[in-house]
Protein backbone atom coordinates (compact mmCIF):
# COMPACT_ATOMS: atom_id res chain seq x y z
CA MET A 1 0.00 0.00 0.00
CA GLY A 2 1.53 3.36 -1.03
CA LYS A 3 1.97 6.27 1.30
CA ARG A 4 -1.14 8.42 1.58
CA ILE A 5 -0.90 12.19 2.04
CA PRO A 6 -3.70 13.29 4.36
CA LYS A 7 -3.82 17.02 5.06
CA LYS A 8 -5.70 17.47 8.34
CA ILE A 9 -5.04 15.01 11.15
CA LEU A 10 -6.99 14.96 14.42
CA ILE A 11 -5.19 13.35 17.36
CA THR A 12 -7.42 12.79 20.39
CA GLY A 13 -5.84 12.74 23.83
CA GLY A 14 -2.82 14.59 22.47
CA ALA A 15 -1.99 16.32 25.76
CA GLY A 16 -1.58 13.01 27.56
CA PHE A 17 1.50 10.85 27.95
CA ILE A 18 1.53 8.84 24.72
CA GLY A 19 -0.57 11.37 22.83
CA SER A 20 1.86 14.24 23.37
CA HIS A 21 4.70 12.21 21.87
CA VAL A 22 2.50 11.29 18.89
CA VAL A 23 1.52 14.93 18.36
CA ARG A 24 5.17 15.98 18.42
CA GLN A 25 6.11 13.16 16.03
CA PHE A 26 3.52 14.33 13.48
CA VAL A 27 4.08 18.08 13.89
CA GLU A 28 7.84 17.78 13.45
CA THR A 29 7.86 15.06 10.78
CA TYR A 30 5.01 16.24 8.54
CA GLN A 31 5.19 19.99 8.30
CA GLU A 32 2.81 19.91 5.34
CA TYR A 33 0.06 18.50 7.60
CA GLN A 34 -2.22 20.45 9.89
CA VAL A 35 -2.17 18.57 13.19
CA TYR A 36 -5.11 19.13 15.54
CA ASN A 37 -4.84 18.05 19.17
CA LEU A 38 -8.20 17.42 20.87
CA ASP A 39 -7.95 16.97 24.63
CA LYS A 40 -10.28 17.47 27.59
CA LEU A 41 -7.30 18.27 29.85
CA THR A 42 -8.20 15.89 32.66
CA TYR A 43 -5.73 15.22 35.47
CA ALA A 44 -3.55 13.23 33.02
CA GLY A 45 -3.64 15.79 30.20
CA ASN A 46 -1.11 18.59 30.44
CA LEU A 47 -0.27 21.17 27.78
CA GLU A 48 3.13 21.61 29.43
CA ASN A 49 3.97 18.35 27.65
CA LEU A 50 3.85 20.26 24.35
CA LYS A 51 5.34 23.66 25.18
CA ASP A 52 8.16 23.13 22.69
CA ILE A 53 5.74 22.94 19.74
CA GLU A 54 2.78 25.02 20.94
CA ASN A 55 3.59 27.83 18.48
CA ALA A 56 4.30 25.58 15.50
CA PRO A 57 2.40 26.84 12.42
CA ASN A 58 1.01 23.38 11.65
CA TYR A 59 -0.31 22.71 15.18
CA THR A 60 -3.70 23.58 16.70
CA PHE A 61 -5.00 22.72 20.17
CA ILE A 62 -8.72 22.16 20.71
CA LYS A 63 -10.11 21.77 24.22
CA GLY A 64 -13.08 19.43 24.20
CA ASP A 65 -14.69 16.25 25.48
CA ILE A 66 -15.21 13.26 23.18
CA THR A 67 -18.22 12.21 25.29
CA ASP A 68 -20.05 15.36 24.12
CA SER A 69 -21.65 14.18 20.89
CA GLU A 70 -22.92 17.64 19.89
CA PHE A 71 -19.46 19.12 20.29
CA ILE A 72 -17.88 16.32 18.23
CA THR A 73 -20.49 16.61 15.48
CA ASP A 74 -19.97 20.37 15.29
CA LEU A 75 -16.18 20.04 15.27
CA PHE A 76 -16.23 17.49 12.45
CA SER A 77 -18.64 19.61 10.40
CA LYS A 78 -16.38 22.67 10.69
CA THR A 79 -13.10 20.88 10.00
CA LYS A 80 -12.97 18.13 7.41
CA PHE A 81 -10.33 15.88 8.90
CA ASP A 82 -8.55 13.43 6.61
CA GLY A 83 -7.59 11.11 9.44
CA ILE A 84 -8.28 10.42 13.11
CA ILE A 85 -5.69 9.01 15.51
CA HIS A 86 -7.69 8.13 18.60
CA LEU A 87 -5.74 7.95 21.86
CA ALA A 88 -8.10 9.75 24.26
CA ALA A 89 -8.96 7.29 27.02
CA GLU A 90 -9.16 6.67 30.71
CA SER A 91 -6.27 4.25 31.13
CA HIS A 92 -5.44 3.48 34.75
CA VAL A 93 -6.69 0.09 35.94
CA ASP A 94 -6.90 1.12 39.59
CA ARG A 95 -9.14 4.07 38.78
CA SER A 96 -11.38 1.82 36.68
CA ILE A 97 -11.99 -0.39 39.70
CA THR A 98 -13.20 2.53 41.82
CA ASP A 99 -15.10 4.33 39.03
CA PRO A 100 -15.92 2.02 36.10
CA MET A 101 -18.61 4.30 34.66
CA ALA A 102 -16.05 7.00 33.88
CA PHE A 103 -14.27 4.44 31.70
CA VAL A 104 -17.49 3.44 29.93
CA LYS A 105 -18.26 7.08 29.15
CA THR A 106 -14.86 8.02 27.75
CA ASN A 107 -13.60 4.77 26.28
CA VAL A 108 -16.85 3.41 24.85
CA ILE A 109 -19.30 6.30 24.36
CA GLY A 110 -16.52 8.71 23.42
CA THR A 111 -15.21 6.30 20.80
CA VAL A 112 -18.68 5.76 19.33
CA ASN A 113 -19.18 9.53 19.08
CA LEU A 114 -15.96 9.79 17.07
CA LEU A 115 -16.97 6.86 14.88
CA ASN A 116 -20.36 8.40 14.10
CA ALA A 117 -18.79 11.72 13.18
CA SER A 118 -16.13 9.98 11.08
CA LEU A 119 -18.66 8.24 8.84
CA LYS A 120 -19.57 11.50 7.10
CA LEU A 121 -15.92 12.41 6.57
CA ALA A 122 -15.03 8.99 5.19
CA ASN A 123 -17.79 9.15 2.58
CA GLY A 124 -16.14 10.24 -0.65
CA ASN A 125 -12.67 10.66 0.87
CA PRO A 126 -10.52 7.66 -0.16
CA SER A 127 -7.60 8.84 2.00
CA PHE A 128 -9.63 8.95 5.24
CA ARG A 129 -8.56 6.62 8.02
CA PHE A 130 -9.72 6.03 11.61
CA TYR A 131 -6.83 4.72 13.69
CA HIS A 132 -7.77 3.37 17.11
CA ILE A 133 -4.99 2.84 19.66
CA SER A 134 -5.71 0.14 22.24
CA THR A 135 -3.99 -2.02 24.84
CA ASP A 136 -2.72 -5.57 25.24
CA GLU A 137 -4.86 -5.83 28.38
CA VAL A 138 -7.91 -6.68 26.25
CA TYR A 139 -6.40 -10.15 25.78
CA GLY A 140 -6.51 -10.99 29.48
CA THR A 141 -3.62 -12.74 31.16
CA LEU A 142 -0.89 -15.19 30.19
CA GLY A 143 0.77 -17.96 32.14
CA GLU A 144 4.53 -18.18 32.43
CA THR A 145 4.92 -18.83 28.69
CA GLY A 146 3.33 -17.71 25.44
CA PHE A 147 2.59 -14.36 23.81
CA PHE A 148 -0.43 -12.33 22.72
CA SER A 149 -0.90 -12.28 18.95
CA GLU A 150 -3.42 -10.39 16.84
CA THR A 151 -5.63 -13.50 16.82
CA THR A 152 -5.63 -14.06 20.59
CA PRO A 153 -9.25 -14.13 21.83
CA TYR A 154 -10.31 -11.20 23.98
CA SER A 155 -10.64 -11.89 27.70
CA PRO A 156 -10.66 -8.57 29.59
CA ARG A 157 -10.44 -8.87 33.37
CA SER A 158 -10.77 -5.29 34.63
CA PRO A 159 -13.28 -2.51 33.93
CA TYR A 160 -10.51 -0.67 32.07
CA SER A 161 -9.67 -3.56 29.74
CA ALA A 162 -13.38 -4.33 29.27
CA SER A 163 -14.01 -0.75 28.16
CA LYS A 164 -11.09 -0.86 25.73
CA ALA A 165 -12.20 -4.25 24.38
CA SER A 166 -15.66 -2.79 23.79
CA SER A 167 -14.23 0.19 21.92
CA ASP A 168 -12.09 -2.14 19.78
CA HIS A 169 -15.20 -4.12 18.85
CA PHE A 170 -17.12 -0.95 17.99
CA VAL A 171 -14.36 0.19 15.64
CA ARG A 172 -14.36 -3.17 13.86
CA ALA A 173 -18.17 -3.19 13.75
CA TYR A 174 -18.22 0.23 12.06
CA GLY A 175 -15.75 -1.12 9.54
CA GLU A 176 -17.90 -4.17 8.81
CA THR A 177 -21.30 -2.46 8.98
CA TYR A 178 -20.63 0.95 7.43
CA GLY A 179 -17.37 0.40 5.57
CA LEU A 180 -15.38 2.81 7.75
CA PRO A 181 -11.66 2.52 6.89
CA TYR A 182 -9.85 1.71 10.13
CA VAL A 183 -6.74 0.24 11.69
CA ILE A 184 -6.21 -0.83 15.30
CA SER A 185 -3.09 -1.38 17.35
CA ASN A 186 -2.73 -3.00 20.76
CA CYS A 187 0.36 -2.02 22.70
CA SER A 188 2.20 -3.19 25.80
CA ASN A 189 3.18 -0.99 28.77
CA ASN A 190 4.77 2.31 27.81
CA TYR A 191 7.30 4.32 29.80
CA GLY A 192 9.24 7.53 29.24
CA PRO A 193 9.12 11.31 29.77
CA ASN A 194 5.83 13.05 30.64
CA GLN A 195 4.09 9.97 32.06
CA PHE A 196 1.66 10.80 34.86
CA PRO A 197 3.00 9.45 38.17
CA GLU A 198 0.15 7.07 38.90
CA LYS A 199 2.01 4.57 36.69
CA LEU A 200 4.75 2.39 38.14
CA ILE A 201 7.98 3.86 36.79
CA PRO A 202 7.33 7.61 37.33
CA LEU A 203 5.53 6.86 40.61
CA PHE A 204 8.56 5.08 42.00
CA ILE A 205 11.02 7.67 40.69
CA ASN A 206 8.98 10.37 42.42
CA ASN A 207 8.65 8.36 45.63
CA ILE A 208 12.38 7.67 45.76
CA LEU A 209 13.07 11.39 45.34
CA HIS A 210 10.86 12.11 48.36
CA ASN A 211 11.98 9.09 50.39
CA LYS A 212 8.47 7.60 50.27
CA SER A 213 7.57 3.91 50.26
CA LEU A 214 7.47 1.94 47.00
CA PRO A 215 4.14 0.03 47.04
CA VAL A 216 4.41 -3.26 45.15
CA TYR A 217 1.19 -5.22 44.57
CA GLY A 218 0.95 -8.75 45.96
CA ASP A 219 4.22 -10.69 45.77
CA GLY A 220 5.63 -8.52 42.98
CA ASN A 221 5.81 -11.31 40.41
CA TYR A 222 3.38 -9.73 37.95
CA THR A 223 5.15 -9.44 34.60
CA ARG A 224 4.84 -6.72 31.96
CA ASP A 225 6.38 -6.02 28.56
CA TRP A 226 7.85 -2.49 28.49
CA LEU A 227 8.19 -0.19 25.45
CA TYR A 228 9.78 3.25 25.30
CA VAL A 229 7.08 5.77 24.40
CA MET A 230 8.97 7.33 21.49
CA ASP A 231 9.28 3.91 19.86
CA HIS A 232 5.50 3.59 20.21
CA ALA A 233 4.97 7.02 18.62
CA LYS A 234 7.03 5.93 15.63
CA ALA A 235 5.01 2.71 15.37
CA ILE A 236 1.79 4.74 15.38
CA ASP A 237 3.17 6.95 12.60
CA LEU A 238 4.05 3.87 10.53
CA ILE A 239 0.73 2.09 11.09
CA PHE A 240 -1.28 5.21 10.26
CA HIS A 241 0.50 5.70 6.96
CA LYS A 242 1.26 2.16 5.82
CA GLY A 243 -0.90 -0.24 7.80
CA GLU A 244 -3.48 -2.20 5.83
CA LYS A 245 -7.10 -1.14 6.17
CA GLY A 246 -9.06 -3.35 8.56
CA GLU A 247 -5.93 -4.84 10.14
CA THR A 248 -4.75 -5.03 13.74
CA TYR A 249 -1.11 -4.68 14.76
CA ASN A 250 0.38 -5.65 18.11
CA VAL A 251 3.15 -3.33 19.31
CA GLY A 252 5.52 -4.56 22.01
CA GLY A 253 8.97 -4.04 23.43
CA PHE A 254 10.24 -7.64 23.51
CA ASN A 255 11.18 -6.66 27.06
CA GLU A 256 9.54 -8.52 29.98
CA TRP A 257 10.13 -7.60 33.60
CA LYS A 258 8.58 -8.74 36.85
CA ASN A 259 7.36 -5.74 38.85
CA ILE A 260 9.63 -6.50 41.81
CA ASP A 261 12.71 -6.91 39.58
CA LEU A 262 11.94 -3.64 37.80
CA THR A 263 11.50 -1.90 41.15
CA ARG A 264 14.87 -3.16 42.37
CA LEU A 265 16.50 -2.07 39.10
CA LEU A 266 15.03 1.42 39.50
CA CYS A 267 16.37 1.56 43.04
CA ARG A 268 19.87 0.66 41.88
CA LEU A 269 19.83 3.17 39.02
CA MET A 270 18.55 5.94 41.28
CA GLU A 271 21.20 5.12 43.89
CA LYS A 272 23.91 5.56 41.26
CA LYS A 273 22.32 8.73 39.89
CA LEU A 274 21.96 10.32 43.33
CA ASN A 275 25.22 8.95 44.74
CA ARG A 276 23.51 6.98 47.48
CA GLU A 277 24.71 3.88 49.27
CA GLU A 278 23.82 0.59 47.55
CA GLY A 279 20.61 -0.86 48.98
CA SER A 280 19.42 2.40 50.53
CA PHE A 281 16.36 2.77 48.28
CA GLU A 282 15.41 -0.90 48.22
CA LYS A 283 14.49 -0.47 51.89
CA LEU A 284 11.55 1.65 50.71
CA ILE A 285 9.83 -1.35 49.05
CA ILE A 286 6.61 -2.46 50.75
CA TYR A 287 4.09 -5.10 49.64
CA VAL A 288 0.52 -3.85 49.46
CA GLN A 289 -2.88 -5.45 49.08
CA ASP A 290 -3.20 -6.99 45.64
CA ARG A 291 -5.32 -5.40 42.94
CA PRO A 292 -8.63 -7.23 42.25
CA GLY A 293 -8.41 -9.27 39.04
CA HIS A 294 -4.70 -8.59 38.67
CA ASP A 295 -3.36 -10.21 35.47
CA LEU A 296 -0.24 -12.30 36.01
CA ARG A 297 1.63 -11.62 32.78
CA TYR A 298 1.38 -9.67 29.54
CA ALA A 299 3.71 -10.29 26.62
CA ILE A 300 3.28 -9.14 23.02
CA ASP A 301 4.19 -10.99 19.85
CA ALA A 302 5.07 -8.02 17.62
CA SER A 303 6.29 -10.09 14.68
CA LYS A 304 3.47 -8.90 12.38
CA ILE A 305 4.40 -5.21 12.49
CA LYS A 306 8.07 -6.15 12.28
CA ASN A 307 7.64 -8.41 9.24
CA GLU A 308 4.98 -6.43 7.36
CA LEU A 309 5.90 -2.82 8.17
CA GLY A 310 9.53 -3.09 9.22
CA TRP A 311 9.10 -1.70 12.74
CA SER A 312 11.05 -2.76 15.79
CA PRO A 313 12.07 -0.93 18.99
CA THR A 314 15.22 1.18 18.65
CA VAL A 315 15.73 2.17 22.31
CA THR A 316 17.03 -0.49 24.69
CA PHE A 317 15.48 -0.72 28.15
CA GLU A 318 18.72 0.40 29.78
CA GLN A 319 18.89 3.46 27.51
CA GLY A 320 15.21 4.30 27.86
CA LEU A 321 15.11 3.91 31.62
CA GLY A 322 18.22 6.05 31.99
CA GLN A 323 16.71 8.78 29.80
CA THR A 324 13.44 8.57 31.72
CA ILE A 325 15.13 8.95 35.10
CA GLU A 326 17.18 11.88 33.80
CA TRP A 327 14.04 13.58 32.47
CA TYR A 328 12.19 13.34 35.80
CA LEU A 329 15.24 14.54 37.73
CA THR A 330 15.57 17.61 35.50
CA ASN A 331 11.81 18.31 35.38
CA GLN A 332 10.87 18.20 39.05
CA ASP A 333 8.74 21.35 38.67
CA TRP A 334 6.56 19.44 36.17
CA LEU A 335 6.39 16.51 38.59
CA ASN A 336 5.43 18.71 41.54
CA HIS A 337 2.77 20.46 39.47
CA VAL A 338 0.99 17.31 38.31
CA THR A 339 1.12 15.61 41.74
CA SER A 340 -0.61 18.41 43.62
CA GLY A 341 -4.22 18.53 44.77
CA GLU A 342 -6.56 15.79 43.57
CA TYR A 343 -3.79 13.29 42.90
CA LYS A 344 -2.54 13.35 46.50
CA GLU A 345 -5.99 12.34 47.79
CA TYR A 346 -6.28 9.59 45.19
CA TYR A 347 -2.83 8.23 46.05
CA LYS A 348 -3.61 8.17 49.77
CA LYS A 349 -6.77 6.10 49.19
CA GLN A 350 -5.31 3.77 46.58
CA TYR A 351 -2.35 2.13 48.28
CA GLN A 352 -3.03 0.24 51.50
CA GLN A 353 -0.15 -1.62 53.08
CA LEU A 354 -0.73 -5.27 53.90
CA ASN A 355 -0.34 -6.32 57.49
CA LYS A 356 2.55 -8.67 56.90
């Protein structure tokens, strides 16, 4: 399939962690495009993530909520987008357990609103594409061996993964029922600069900086596949332009770590970075009450995108983790800003130490 040249690209959730890196990738790489960033600016959306490109001539920010169908309809009637890259989502499993309806509204209803509005744009525009970014969590859990492929049956086990599975199905249904041109990708855990510190790596970097405990769920043996966020942004770019219509692509880092091993690695790297005695930060590790429905292991088989589109990760875990730590150490004002107020109350409620 040859490279298409869409003119106006809407990226939803572009002020968030992954979204901001995707926005920057498109603004800097495709100066002939007009890149529109639609974001509600919830706790996890932060325009500080994009200060370096906020005045770029091919970039426009739009504040709005994808759950507002009238707003979306009006936006799509005013601006004839040639492509949608849909990242806007509630994404934290713990929050989905305490407030599942928020995930239904954003991840399911919000996606359907975008799909409905996209139908009119796709009609008569052969270059139009709806690209839906999803998660490997829709597949459920793995044992100690095996990998998720694009044909793995869905088996979501949390309200978050159920909401993302539902949105995936809606995208495919709109393709089958209405002929909407779409692609989907399911990705493993991302890490890197600008990630909100409710997620493991930035949370623990921040806690180490403030000499706070490092809460590890259960026995710490839960295993995840980690991918540097900029490698994911490049995969999204490639899939949007060269992925086959109606196809799904798994994106992974070929990089599995048990949570407890990753935590210990972070402690060692931070000790070296801050010139602390070996073992001083590992003392901060505590084991907390396990998350309900916690999946044992995720691991992605990314051979399809590698073989068909030529993508593979370029940043090693050692490089990426080092760059991530350095970014948080040099951007502590950003970290302090995003961890104020509402987040502190959420954090206090979320992590309860086990009586061990």
